[in-house]
Amino acid sequence: VESLTLPKFTRKYEKYRGGGMPGAVDVDLGLDDSALDTEFSIGGTELLLFKQMGKATVDGIQLRFTGSIQRDDTGEVQAVELVVRGRHKEVDSG
């Protein structure tokens, strides 16, 4: 994997103003529609990605990404693991 864009967790709110309320309040509706989107790019063409596009279930594919992050101030390195389940929305081979 050449690059990985982690999900940006954002909440979805809807304004609510009940009778007698002087102003509206935000009602929390959970995560935003695109809050769990993850993007990655690889070098070359991977035929398995095209085969996985045919999966019918919403959790048909499990991907595991591993790597590490390093602190700028201390140089400490920490292992990071990301496991995602779902389907591919787009495979761009070009």
PDB file of N, CA and C in Angstrom:
ATOM      1  N   VAL A   1       0.858  -1.177   0.000  1.00  0.00           N
ATOM      2  CA  VAL A   1       0.000   0.000   0.000  1.00  0.00           C
ATOM      3  C   VAL A   1       0.899   1.233   0.000  1.00  0.00           C
ATOM      4  N   GLU A   2       0.688   2.082  -0.984  1.00  0.00           N
ATOM      5  CA  GLU A   2       1.498   3.294  -1.092  1.00  0.00           C
ATOM      6  C   GLU A   2       0.975   4.433  -0.229  1.00  0.00           C
ATOM      7  N   SER A   3      -0.341   4.564  -0.134  1.00  0.00           N
ATOM      8  CA  SER A   3      -0.914   5.611   0.716  1.00  0.00           C
ATOM      9  C   SER A   3      -2.242   5.132   1.285  1.00  0.00           C
ATOM     10  N   LEU A   4      -2.577   5.674   2.452  1.00  0.00           N
ATOM     11  CA  LEU A   4      -3.807   5.307   3.153  1.00  0.00           C
ATOM     12  C   LEU A   4      -4.399   6.567   3.763  1.00  0.00           C
ATOM     13  N   THR A   5      -5.672   6.816   3.491  1.00  0.00           N
ATOM     14  CA  THR A   5      -6.387   7.937   4.092  1.00  0.00           C
ATOM     15  C   THR A   5      -7.361   7.374   5.118  1.00  0.00           C
ATOM     16  N   LEU A   6      -7.128   7.697   6.375  1.00  0.00           N
ATOM     17  CA  LEU A   6      -7.966   7.182   7.457  1.00  0.00           C
ATOM     18  C   LEU A   6      -9.328   7.869   7.457  1.00  0.00           C
ATOM     19  N   PRO A   7     -10.333   7.214   8.043  1.00  0.00           N
ATOM     20  CA  PRO A   7     -11.662   7.830   8.114  1.00  0.00           C
ATOM     21  C   PRO A   7     -11.630   9.116   8.935  1.00  0.00           C
ATOM     22  N   LYS A   8     -12.428  10.075   8.527  1.00  0.00           N
ATOM     23  CA  LYS A   8     -12.585  11.317   9.279  1.00  0.00           C
ATOM     24  C   LYS A   8     -13.914  11.209  10.020  1.00  0.00           C
ATOM     25  N   PHE A   9     -13.844  10.979  11.322  1.00  0.00           N
ATOM     26  CA  PHE A   9     -15.051  10.776  12.118  1.00  0.00           C
ATOM     27  C   PHE A   9     -15.767  12.105  12.326  1.00  0.00           C
ATOM     28  N   THR A  10     -16.933  12.221  11.735  1.00  0.00           N
ATOM     29  CA  THR A  10     -17.755  13.414  11.891  1.00  0.00           C
ATOM     30  C   THR A  10     -19.168  12.987  12.277  1.00  0.00           C
ATOM     31  N   ARG A  11     -19.784  13.765  13.130  1.00  0.00           N
ATOM     32  CA  ARG A  11     -21.145  13.468  13.568  1.00  0.00           C
ATOM     33  C   ARG A  11     -22.156  14.184  12.690  1.00  0.00           C
ATOM     34  N   LYS A  12     -23.335  13.577  12.614  1.00  0.00           N
ATOM     35  CA  LYS A  12     -24.435  14.171  11.857  1.00  0.00           C
ATOM     36  C   LYS A  12     -25.435  14.747  12.855  1.00  0.00           C
ATOM     37  N   TYR A  13     -25.773  16.013  12.664  1.00  0.00           N
ATOM     38  CA  TYR A  13     -26.724  16.694  13.545  1.00  0.00           C
ATOM     39  C   TYR A  13     -27.893  17.229  12.730  1.00  0.00           C
ATOM     40  N   GLU A  14     -29.016  17.345  13.412  1.00  0.00           N
ATOM     41  CA  GLU A  14     -30.195  17.951  12.801  1.00  0.00           C
ATOM     42  C   GLU A  14     -30.761  18.952  13.799  1.00  0.00           C
ATOM     43  N   LYS A  15     -31.131  20.099  13.299  1.00  0.00           N
ATOM     44  CA  LYS A  15     -31.702  21.134  14.168  1.00  0.00           C
ATOM     45  C   LYS A  15     -33.102  20.717  14.616  1.00  0.00           C
ATOM     46  N   TYR A  16     -33.393  20.960  15.902  1.00  0.00           N
ATOM     47  CA  TYR A  16     -34.720  20.667  16.437  1.00  0.00           C
ATOM     48  C   TYR A  16     -35.170  21.864  17.267  1.00  0.00           C
ATOM     49  N   ARG A  17     -36.398  22.263  17.025  1.00  0.00           N
ATOM     50  CA  ARG A  17     -36.967  23.363  17.798  1.00  0.00           C
ATOM     51  C   ARG A  17     -38.384  22.976  18.187  1.00  0.00           C
ATOM     52  N   GLY A  18     -38.536  22.594  19.430  1.00  0.00           N
ATOM     53  CA  GLY A  18     -39.845  22.206  19.931  1.00  0.00           C
ATOM     54  C   GLY A  18     -40.682  23.424  20.293  1.00  0.00           C
ATOM     55  N   GLY A  19     -41.963  23.183  20.532  1.00  0.00           N
ATOM     56  CA  GLY A  19     -42.866  24.274  20.891  1.00  0.00           C
ATOM     57  C   GLY A  19     -42.423  24.979  22.163  1.00  0.00           C
ATOM     58  N   GLY A  20     -42.347  26.295  22.121  1.00  0.00           N
ATOM     59  CA  GLY A  20     -41.966  27.080  23.283  1.00  0.00           C
ATOM     60  C   GLY A  20     -40.468  27.241  23.480  1.00  0.00           C
ATOM     61  N   MET A  21     -39.665  26.604  22.639  1.00  0.00           N
ATOM     62  CA  MET A  21     -38.210  26.748  22.777  1.00  0.00           C
ATOM     63  C   MET A  21     -37.770  28.058  22.131  1.00  0.00           C
ATOM     64  N   PRO A  22     -36.941  28.840  22.810  1.00  0.00           N
ATOM     65  CA  PRO A  22     -36.506  30.113  22.236  1.00  0.00           C
ATOM     66  C   PRO A  22     -35.483  29.952  21.111  1.00  0.00           C
ATOM     67  N   GLY A  23     -34.864  28.794  21.016  1.00  0.00           N
ATOM     68  CA  GLY A  23     -33.865  28.557  19.970  1.00  0.00           C
ATOM     69  C   GLY A  23     -33.790  27.078  19.639  1.00  0.00           C
ATOM     70  N   ALA A  24     -33.088  26.760  18.578  1.00  0.00           N
ATOM     71  CA  ALA A  24     -32.951  25.370  18.143  1.00  0.00           C
ATOM     72  C   ALA A  24     -31.753  24.709  18.823  1.00  0.00           C
ATOM     73  N   VAL A  25     -31.834  23.397  18.959  1.00  0.00           N
ATOM     74  CA  VAL A  25     -30.717  22.606  19.481  1.00  0.00           C
ATOM     75  C   VAL A  25     -30.351  21.557  18.436  1.00  0.00           C
ATOM     76  N   ASP A  26     -29.104  21.124  18.473  1.00  0.00           N
ATOM     77  CA  ASP A  26     -28.652  20.071  17.570  1.00  0.00           C
ATOM     78  C   ASP A  26     -28.969  18.707  18.170  1.00  0.00           C
ATOM     79  N   VAL A  27     -29.653  17.867  17.409  1.00  0.00           N
ATOM     80  CA  VAL A  27     -29.950  16.501  17.813  1.00  0.00           C
ATOM     81  C   VAL A  27     -28.922  15.599  17.139  1.00  0.00           C
ATOM     82  N   ASP A  28     -28.246  14.788  17.941  1.00  0.00           N
ATOM     83  CA  ASP A  28     -27.191  13.908  17.440  1.00  0.00           C
ATOM     84  C   ASP A  28     -27.813  12.698  16.752  1.00  0.00           C
ATOM     85  N   LEU A  29     -27.506  12.510  15.466  1.00  0.00           N
ATOM     86  CA  LEU A  29     -28.028  11.381  14.694  1.00  0.00           C
ATOM     87  C   LEU A  29     -26.960  10.329  14.414  1.00  0.00           C
ATOM     88  N   GLY A  30     -25.878  10.351  15.175  1.00  0.00           N
ATOM     89  CA  GLY A  30     -24.809   9.373  14.965  1.00  0.00           C
ATOM     90  C   GLY A  30     -23.749   9.904  14.018  1.00  0.00           C
ATOM     91  N   LEU A  31     -23.059   8.989  13.366  1.00  0.00           N
ATOM     92  CA  LEU A  31     -21.983   9.382  12.465  1.00  0.00           C
ATOM     93  C   LEU A  31     -22.527   9.889  11.135  1.00  0.00           C
ATOM     94  N   ASP A  32     -21.771  10.787  10.522  1.00  0.00           N
ATOM     95  CA  ASP A  32     -22.101  11.332   9.209  1.00  0.00           C
ATOM     96  C   ASP A  32     -22.086  10.217   8.166  1.00  0.00           C
ATOM     97  N   ASP A  33     -22.733  10.448   7.034  1.00  0.00           N
ATOM     98  CA  ASP A  33     -22.866   9.413   6.006  1.00  0.00           C
ATOM     99  C   ASP A  33     -21.527   8.921   5.475  1.00  0.00           C
ATOM    100  N   SER A  34     -20.527   9.775   5.400  1.00  0.00           N
ATOM    101  CA  SER A  34     -19.230   9.360   4.861  1.00  0.00           C
ATOM    102  C   SER A  34     -18.157   9.276   5.941  1.00  0.00           C
ATOM    103  N   ALA A  35     -18.557   9.125   7.194  1.00  0.00           N
ATOM    104  CA  ALA A  35     -17.609   9.155   8.304  1.00  0.00           C
ATOM    105  C   ALA A  35     -16.705   7.928   8.371  1.00  0.00           C
ATOM    106  N   LEU A  36     -17.063   6.849   7.722  1.00  0.00           N
ATOM    107  CA  LEU A  36     -16.249   5.637   7.797  1.00  0.00           C
ATOM    108  C   LEU A  36     -15.521   5.325   6.497  1.00  0.00           C
ATOM    109  N   ASP A  37     -15.512   6.265   5.554  1.00  0.00           N
ATOM    110  CA  ASP A  37     -14.842   6.037   4.271  1.00  0.00           C
ATOM    111  C   ASP A  37     -13.330   6.003   4.447  1.00  0.00           C
ATOM    112  N   THR A  38     -12.708   5.005   3.850  1.00  0.00           N
ATOM    113  CA  THR A  38     -11.259   4.846   3.868  1.00  0.00           C
ATOM    114  C   THR A  38     -10.778   4.729   2.436  1.00  0.00           C
ATOM    115  N   GLU A  39      -9.689   5.402   2.115  1.00  0.00           N
ATOM    116  CA  GLU A  39      -9.121   5.332   0.772  1.00  0.00           C
ATOM    117  C   GLU A  39      -7.696   4.821   0.864  1.00  0.00           C
ATOM    118  N   PHE A  40      -7.302   4.016  -0.132  1.00  0.00           N
ATOM    119  CA  PHE A  40      -5.915   3.567  -0.191  1.00  0.00           C
ATOM    120  C   PHE A  40      -5.510   3.410  -1.641  1.00  0.00           C
ATOM    121  N   SER A  41      -4.225   3.497  -1.875  1.00  0.00           N
ATOM    122  CA  SER A  41      -3.703   3.286  -3.228  1.00  0.00           C
ATOM    123  C   SER A  41      -2.548   2.300  -3.153  1.00  0.00           C
ATOM    124  N   ILE A  42      -2.431   1.507  -4.209  1.00  0.00           N
ATOM    125  CA  ILE A  42      -1.377   0.504  -4.284  1.00  0.00           C
ATOM    126  C   ILE A  42      -0.600   0.710  -5.572  1.00  0.00           C
ATOM    127  N   GLY A  43       0.577   0.133  -5.627  1.00  0.00           N
ATOM    128  CA  GLY A  43       1.365   0.200  -6.851  1.00  0.00           C
ATOM    129  C   GLY A  43       0.992  -0.947  -7.768  1.00  0.00           C
ATOM    130  N   GLY A  44       0.734  -0.661  -9.019  1.00  0.00           N
ATOM    131  CA  GLY A  44       0.385  -1.715  -9.967  1.00  0.00           C
ATOM    132  C   GLY A  44      -1.082  -2.075  -9.918  1.00  0.00           C
ATOM    133  N   THR A  45      -1.394  -3.217 -10.508  1.00  0.00           N
ATOM    134  CA  THR A  45      -2.769  -3.706 -10.577  1.00  0.00           C
ATOM    135  C   THR A  45      -2.899  -4.962  -9.736  1.00  0.00           C
ATOM    136  N   GLU A  46      -3.899  -5.017  -8.894  1.00  0.00           N
ATOM    137  CA  GLU A  46      -4.162  -6.177  -8.052  1.00  0.00           C
ATOM    138  C   GLU A  46      -5.486  -6.786  -8.494  1.00  0.00           C
ATOM    139  N   LEU A  47      -5.427  -7.960  -9.093  1.00  0.00           N
ATOM    140  CA  LEU A  47      -6.632  -8.604  -9.616  1.00  0.00           C
ATOM    141  C   LEU A  47      -7.642  -8.938  -8.528  1.00  0.00           C
ATOM    142  N   LEU A  48      -7.163  -9.169  -7.311  1.00  0.00           N
ATOM    143  CA  LEU A  48      -8.067  -9.504  -6.210  1.00  0.00           C
ATOM    144  C   LEU A  48      -9.075  -8.379  -5.953  1.00  0.00           C
ATOM    145  N   LEU A  49      -8.668  -7.129  -6.148  1.00  0.00           N
ATOM    146  CA  LEU A  49      -9.595  -6.010  -5.945  1.00  0.00           C
ATOM    147  C   LEU A  49     -10.777  -6.091  -6.900  1.00  0.00           C
ATOM    148  N   PHE A  50     -10.522  -6.481  -8.138  1.00  0.00           N
ATOM    149  CA  PHE A  50     -11.610  -6.609  -9.114  1.00  0.00           C
ATOM    150  C   PHE A  50     -12.531  -7.777  -8.757  1.00  0.00           C
ATOM    151  N   LYS A  51     -11.970  -8.855  -8.246  1.00  0.00           N
ATOM    152  CA  LYS A  51     -12.797  -9.987  -7.809  1.00  0.00           C
ATOM    153  C   LYS A  51     -13.658  -9.592  -6.616  1.00  0.00           C
ATOM    154  N   GLN A  52     -13.094  -8.793  -5.719  1.00  0.00           N
ATOM    155  CA  GLN A  52     -13.827  -8.380  -4.526  1.00  0.00           C
ATOM    156  C   GLN A  52     -14.963  -7.411  -4.845  1.00  0.00           C
ATOM    157  N   MET A  53     -14.920  -6.756  -5.979  1.00  0.00           N
ATOM    158  CA  MET A  53     -16.003  -5.838  -6.363  1.00  0.00           C
ATOM    159  C   MET A  53     -17.334  -6.573  -6.507  1.00  0.00           C
ATOM    160  N   GLY A  54     -17.299  -7.868  -6.726  1.00  0.00           N
ATOM    161  CA  GLY A  54     -18.517  -8.647  -6.889  1.00  0.00           C
ATOM    162  C   GLY A  54     -19.153  -9.108  -5.592  1.00  0.00           C
ATOM    163  N   LYS A  55     -18.556  -8.793  -4.451  1.00  0.00           N
ATOM    164  CA  LYS A  55     -19.130  -9.207  -3.168  1.00  0.00           C
ATOM    165  C   LYS A  55     -20.493  -8.557  -2.966  1.00  0.00           C
ATOM    166  N   ALA A  56     -21.456  -9.353  -2.523  1.00  0.00           N
ATOM    167  CA  ALA A  56     -22.830  -8.858  -2.392  1.00  0.00           C
ATOM    168  C   ALA A  56     -23.154  -8.354  -0.988  1.00  0.00           C
ATOM    169  N   THR A  57     -22.445  -8.833   0.024  1.00  0.00           N
ATOM    170  CA  THR A  57     -22.781  -8.449   1.395  1.00  0.00           C
ATOM    171  C   THR A  57     -22.034  -7.185   1.804  1.00  0.00           C
ATOM    172  N   VAL A  58     -22.619  -6.457   2.729  1.00  0.00           N
ATOM    173  CA  VAL A  58     -22.043  -5.181   3.155  1.00  0.00           C
ATOM    174  C   VAL A  58     -20.725  -5.377   3.903  1.00  0.00           C
ATOM    175  N   ASP A  59     -20.519  -6.537   4.499  1.00  0.00           N
ATOM    176  CA  ASP A  59     -19.274  -6.810   5.221  1.00  0.00           C
ATOM    177  C   ASP A  59     -18.453  -7.895   4.534  1.00  0.00           C
ATOM    178  N   GLY A  60     -18.542  -7.964   3.227  1.00  0.00           N
ATOM    179  CA  GLY A  60     -17.922  -9.044   2.467  1.00  0.00           C
ATOM    180  C   GLY A  60     -16.412  -9.018   2.401  1.00  0.00           C
ATOM    181  N   ILE A  61     -15.794  -7.888   2.685  1.00  0.00           N
ATOM    182  CA  ILE A  61     -14.350  -7.763   2.550  1.00  0.00           C
ATOM    183  C   ILE A  61     -13.767  -7.259   3.863  1.00  0.00           C
ATOM    184  N   GLN A  62     -12.707  -7.910   4.321  1.00  0.00           N
ATOM    185  CA  GLN A  62     -11.974  -7.426   5.490  1.00  0.00           C
ATOM    186  C   GLN A  62     -10.555  -7.107   5.055  1.00  0.00           C
ATOM    187  N   LEU A  63     -10.108  -5.912   5.377  1.00  0.00           N
ATOM    188  CA  LEU A  63      -8.753  -5.478   5.053  1.00  0.00           C
ATOM    189  C   LEU A  63      -8.034  -5.108   6.339  1.00  0.00           C
ATOM    190  N   ARG A  64      -6.739  -5.407   6.381  1.00  0.00           N
ATOM    191  CA  ARG A  64      -5.917  -5.096   7.554  1.00  0.00           C
ATOM    192  C   ARG A  64      -4.711  -4.303   7.085  1.00  0.00           C
ATOM    193  N   PHE A  65      -4.552  -3.122   7.642  1.00  0.00           N
ATOM    194  CA  PHE A  65      -3.415  -2.263   7.327  1.00  0.00           C
ATOM    195  C   PHE A  65      -2.544  -2.155   8.572  1.00  0.00           C
ATOM    196  N   THR A  66      -1.242  -2.315   8.424  1.00  0.00           N
ATOM    197  CA  THR A  66      -0.316  -2.163   9.541  1.00  0.00           C
ATOM    198  C   THR A  66       0.756  -1.157   9.173  1.00  0.00           C
ATOM    199  N   GLY A  67       1.250  -0.493  10.156  1.00  0.00           N
ATOM    200  CA  GLY A  67       2.305   0.489   9.939  1.00  0.00           C
ATOM    201  C   GLY A  67       2.790   1.011  11.271  1.00  0.00           C
ATOM    202  N   SER A  68       3.399   2.161  11.258  1.00  0.00           N
ATOM    203  CA  SER A  68       3.887   2.764  12.491  1.00  0.00           C
ATOM    204  C   SER A  68       3.888   4.280  12.352  1.00  0.00           C
ATOM    205  N   ILE A  69       3.854   4.929  13.498  1.00  0.00           N
ATOM    206  CA  ILE A  69       3.975   6.381  13.538  1.00  0.00           C
ATOM    207  C   ILE A  69       5.133   6.717  14.465  1.00  0.00           C
ATOM    208  N   GLN A  70       5.798   7.824  14.172  1.00  0.00           N
ATOM    209  CA  GLN A  70       6.939   8.239  14.976  1.00  0.00           C
ATOM    210  C   GLN A  70       6.713   9.655  15.483  1.00  0.00           C
ATOM    211  N   ARG A  71       6.923   9.825  16.779  1.00  0.00           N
ATOM    212  CA  ARG A  71       6.768  11.150  17.384  1.00  0.00           C
ATOM    213  C   ARG A  71       7.920  12.045  16.953  1.00  0.00           C
ATOM    214  N   ASP A  72       7.618  13.294  16.666  1.00  0.00           N
ATOM    215  CA  ASP A  72       8.655  14.239  16.261  1.00  0.00           C
ATOM    216  C   ASP A  72       9.539  14.671  17.426  1.00  0.00           C
ATOM    217  N   ASP A  73       8.953  14.764  18.614  1.00  0.00           N
ATOM    218  CA  ASP A  73       9.720  15.300  19.742  1.00  0.00           C
ATOM    219  C   ASP A  73      10.648  14.279  20.388  1.00  0.00           C
ATOM    220  N   THR A  74      10.203  13.022  20.527  1.00  0.00           N
ATOM    221  CA  THR A  74      11.021  12.019  21.217  1.00  0.00           C
ATOM    222  C   THR A  74      11.587  10.956  20.284  1.00  0.00           C
ATOM    223  N   GLY A  75      11.056  10.854  19.087  1.00  0.00           N
ATOM    224  CA  GLY A  75      11.517   9.813  18.169  1.00  0.00           C
ATOM    225  C   GLY A  75      10.924   8.448  18.461  1.00  0.00           C
ATOM    226  N   GLU A  76      10.031   8.364  19.441  1.00  0.00           N
ATOM    227  CA  GLU A  76       9.399   7.098  19.809  1.00  0.00           C
ATOM    228  C   GLU A  76       8.541   6.592  18.647  1.00  0.00           C
ATOM    229  N   VAL A  77       8.662   5.288  18.364  1.00  0.00           N
ATOM    230  CA  VAL A  77       7.901   4.659  17.287  1.00  0.00           C
ATOM    231  C   VAL A  77       6.822   3.779  17.904  1.00  0.00           C
ATOM    232  N   GLN A  78       5.599   3.897  17.387  1.00  0.00           N
ATOM    233  CA  GLN A  78       4.471   3.120  17.902  1.00  0.00           C
ATOM    234  C   GLN A  78       3.795   2.395  16.752  1.00  0.00           C
ATOM    235  N   ALA A  79       3.526   1.110  16.951  1.00  0.00           N
ATOM    236  CA  ALA A  79       2.851   0.306  15.927  1.00  0.00           C
ATOM    237  C   ALA A  79       1.381   0.701  15.835  1.00  0.00           C
ATOM    238  N   VAL A  80       0.852   0.679  14.607  1.00  0.00           N
ATOM    239  CA  VAL A  80      -0.547   1.023  14.359  1.00  0.00           C
ATOM    240  C   VAL A  80      -1.158  -0.065  13.485  1.00  0.00           C
ATOM    241  N   GLU A  81      -2.377  -0.483  13.820  1.00  0.00           N
ATOM    242  CA  GLU A  81      -3.097  -1.476  13.026  1.00  0.00           C
ATOM    243  C   GLU A  81      -4.513  -0.973  12.789  1.00  0.00           C
ATOM    244  N   LEU A  82      -4.972  -1.072  11.549  1.00  0.00           N
ATOM    245  CA  LEU A  82      -6.326  -0.667  11.180  1.00  0.00           C
ATOM    246  C   LEU A  82      -6.991  -1.841  10.480  1.00  0.00           C
ATOM    247  N   VAL A  83      -8.134  -2.279  11.001  1.00  0.00           N
ATOM    248  CA  VAL A  83      -8.910  -3.358  10.391  1.00  0.00           C
ATOM    249  C   VAL A  83     -10.247  -2.769   9.963  1.00  0.00           C
ATOM    250  N   VAL A  84     -10.578  -2.929   8.685  1.00  0.00           N
ATOM    251  CA  VAL A  84     -11.833  -2.399   8.152  1.00  0.00           C
ATOM    252  C   VAL A  84     -12.608  -3.518   7.467  1.00  0.00           C
ATOM    253  N   ARG A  85     -13.925  -3.407   7.505  1.00  0.00           N
ATOM    254  CA  ARG A  85     -14.802  -4.349   6.813  1.00  0.00           C
ATOM    255  C   ARG A  85     -15.767  -3.557   5.957  1.00  0.00           C
ATOM    256  N   GLY A  86     -16.140  -4.131   4.837  1.00  0.00           N
ATOM    257  CA  GLY A  86     -17.104  -3.453   3.978  1.00  0.00           C
ATOM    258  C   GLY A  86     -16.985  -3.907   2.548  1.00  0.00           C
ATOM    259  N   ARG A  87     -17.194  -2.979   1.635  1.00  0.00           N
ATOM    260  CA  ARG A  87     -17.094  -3.252   0.199  1.00  0.00           C
ATOM    261  C   ARG A  87     -16.305  -2.133  -0.455  1.00  0.00           C
ATOM    262  N   HIS A  88     -15.743  -2.454  -1.619  1.00  0.00           N
ATOM    263  CA  HIS A  88     -15.081  -1.420  -2.406  1.00  0.00           C
ATOM    264  C   HIS A  88     -16.155  -0.632  -3.144  1.00  0.00           C
ATOM    265  N   LYS A  89     -16.083   0.681  -3.063  1.00  0.00           N
ATOM    266  CA  LYS A  89     -17.015   1.535  -3.786  1.00  0.00           C
ATOM    267  C   LYS A  89     -16.486   1.840  -5.175  1.00  0.00           C
ATOM    268  N   GLU A  90     -15.167   1.915  -5.299  1.00  0.00           N
ATOM    269  CA  GLU A  90     -14.559   2.275  -6.579  1.00  0.00           C
ATOM    270  C   GLU A  90     -13.177   1.647  -6.674  1.00  0.00           C
ATOM    271  N   VAL A  91     -12.851   1.100  -7.826  1.00  0.00           N
ATOM    272  CA  VAL A  91     -11.504   0.625  -8.132  1.00  0.00           C
ATOM    273  C   VAL A  91     -11.059   1.368  -9.383  1.00  0.00           C
ATOM    274  N   ASP A  92     -10.052   2.216  -9.226  1.00  0.00           N
ATOM    275  CA  ASP A  92      -9.554   3.035 -10.332  1.00  0.00           C
ATOM    276  C   ASP A  92      -8.221   2.458 -10.788  1.00  0.00           C
ATOM    277  N   SER A  93      -8.203   1.840 -11.937  1.00  0.00           N
ATOM    278  CA  SER A  93      -6.984   1.197 -12.427  1.00  0.00           C
ATOM    279  C   SER A  93      -6.190   2.089 -13.366  1.00  0.00           C
ATOM    280  N   GLY A  94      -6.591   3.334 -13.494  1.00  0.00           N
ATOM    281  CA  GLY A  94      -5.951   4.135 -14.505  1.00  0.00           C
ATOM    282  C   GLY A  94      -5.164   5.266 -14.040  1.00  0.00           C
TER     283      GLY A  94
END
